[in-house]
Amino acid sequence: MRTFALRQLVLQAPAPVIARALGFHDKTTTRAVVQAGGTWNRYAPSDHAK
């Protein structure tokens, strides 16, 4: 069930965002998005400290 939930999340938001929010490693969420057939292959985070 945990894998299914992670796959659903990475289909809705970029993998790095999900990784940071949930405390996963980036590679874990990137693998999940590939397995789920997601399209978030590019993500440029911005500087929110401004």
Protein backbone atom coordinates (compact mmCIF):
# COMPACT_ATOMS: atom_id res chain seq x y z
CA MET A 1 0.00 0.00 0.00
CA ARG A 2 2.86 2.41 0.76
CA THR A 3 4.34 1.95 -2.73
CA PHE A 4 0.99 2.63 -4.36
CA ALA A 5 0.52 5.82 -2.35
CA LEU A 6 4.01 7.05 -3.23
CA ARG A 7 3.39 6.37 -6.93
CA GLN A 8 0.16 8.34 -6.79
CA LEU A 9 1.91 11.28 -5.14
CA VAL A 10 4.73 11.46 -7.68
CA LEU A 11 2.19 11.52 -10.49
CA GLN A 12 0.73 14.69 -8.97
CA ALA A 13 3.92 16.59 -8.07
CA PRO A 14 7.63 16.52 -8.94
CA ALA A 15 9.62 13.73 -7.31
CA PRO A 16 12.07 16.09 -5.53
CA VAL A 17 9.17 17.92 -3.90
CA ILE A 18 7.64 14.68 -2.64
CA ALA A 19 11.04 13.44 -1.45
CA ARG A 20 11.68 16.57 0.57
CA ALA A 21 8.17 16.69 2.03
CA LEU A 22 8.18 13.05 3.14
CA GLY A 23 11.85 12.63 3.99
CA PHE A 24 12.60 10.18 1.18
CA HIS A 25 15.79 10.14 -0.85
CA ASP A 26 15.47 11.75 -4.30
CA LYS A 27 16.40 8.49 -6.00
CA THR A 28 13.53 6.69 -4.28
CA THR A 29 10.90 9.09 -5.55
CA THR A 30 12.51 9.31 -9.00
CA ARG A 31 12.33 5.52 -9.25
CA ALA A 32 8.68 5.64 -8.20
CA VAL A 33 7.80 8.19 -10.89
CA VAL A 34 9.48 6.07 -13.57
CA GLN A 35 7.62 2.96 -12.39
CA ALA A 36 4.34 4.85 -12.36
CA GLY A 37 4.90 6.18 -15.88
CA GLY A 38 4.95 9.80 -14.77
CA THR A 39 6.05 12.75 -16.83
CA TRP A 40 7.81 14.87 -14.19
CA ASN A 41 11.24 14.43 -15.76
CA ARG A 42 12.41 18.03 -15.27
CA TYR A 43 12.00 20.25 -12.24
CA ALA A 44 13.83 23.45 -11.48
CA PRO A 45 13.31 24.42 -7.85
CA SER A 46 13.21 28.10 -7.10
CA ASP A 47 14.72 30.00 -4.21
CA HIS A 48 11.87 30.50 -1.72
CA ALA A 49 14.10 32.30 0.77
CA LYS A 50 13.51 35.63 -0.95
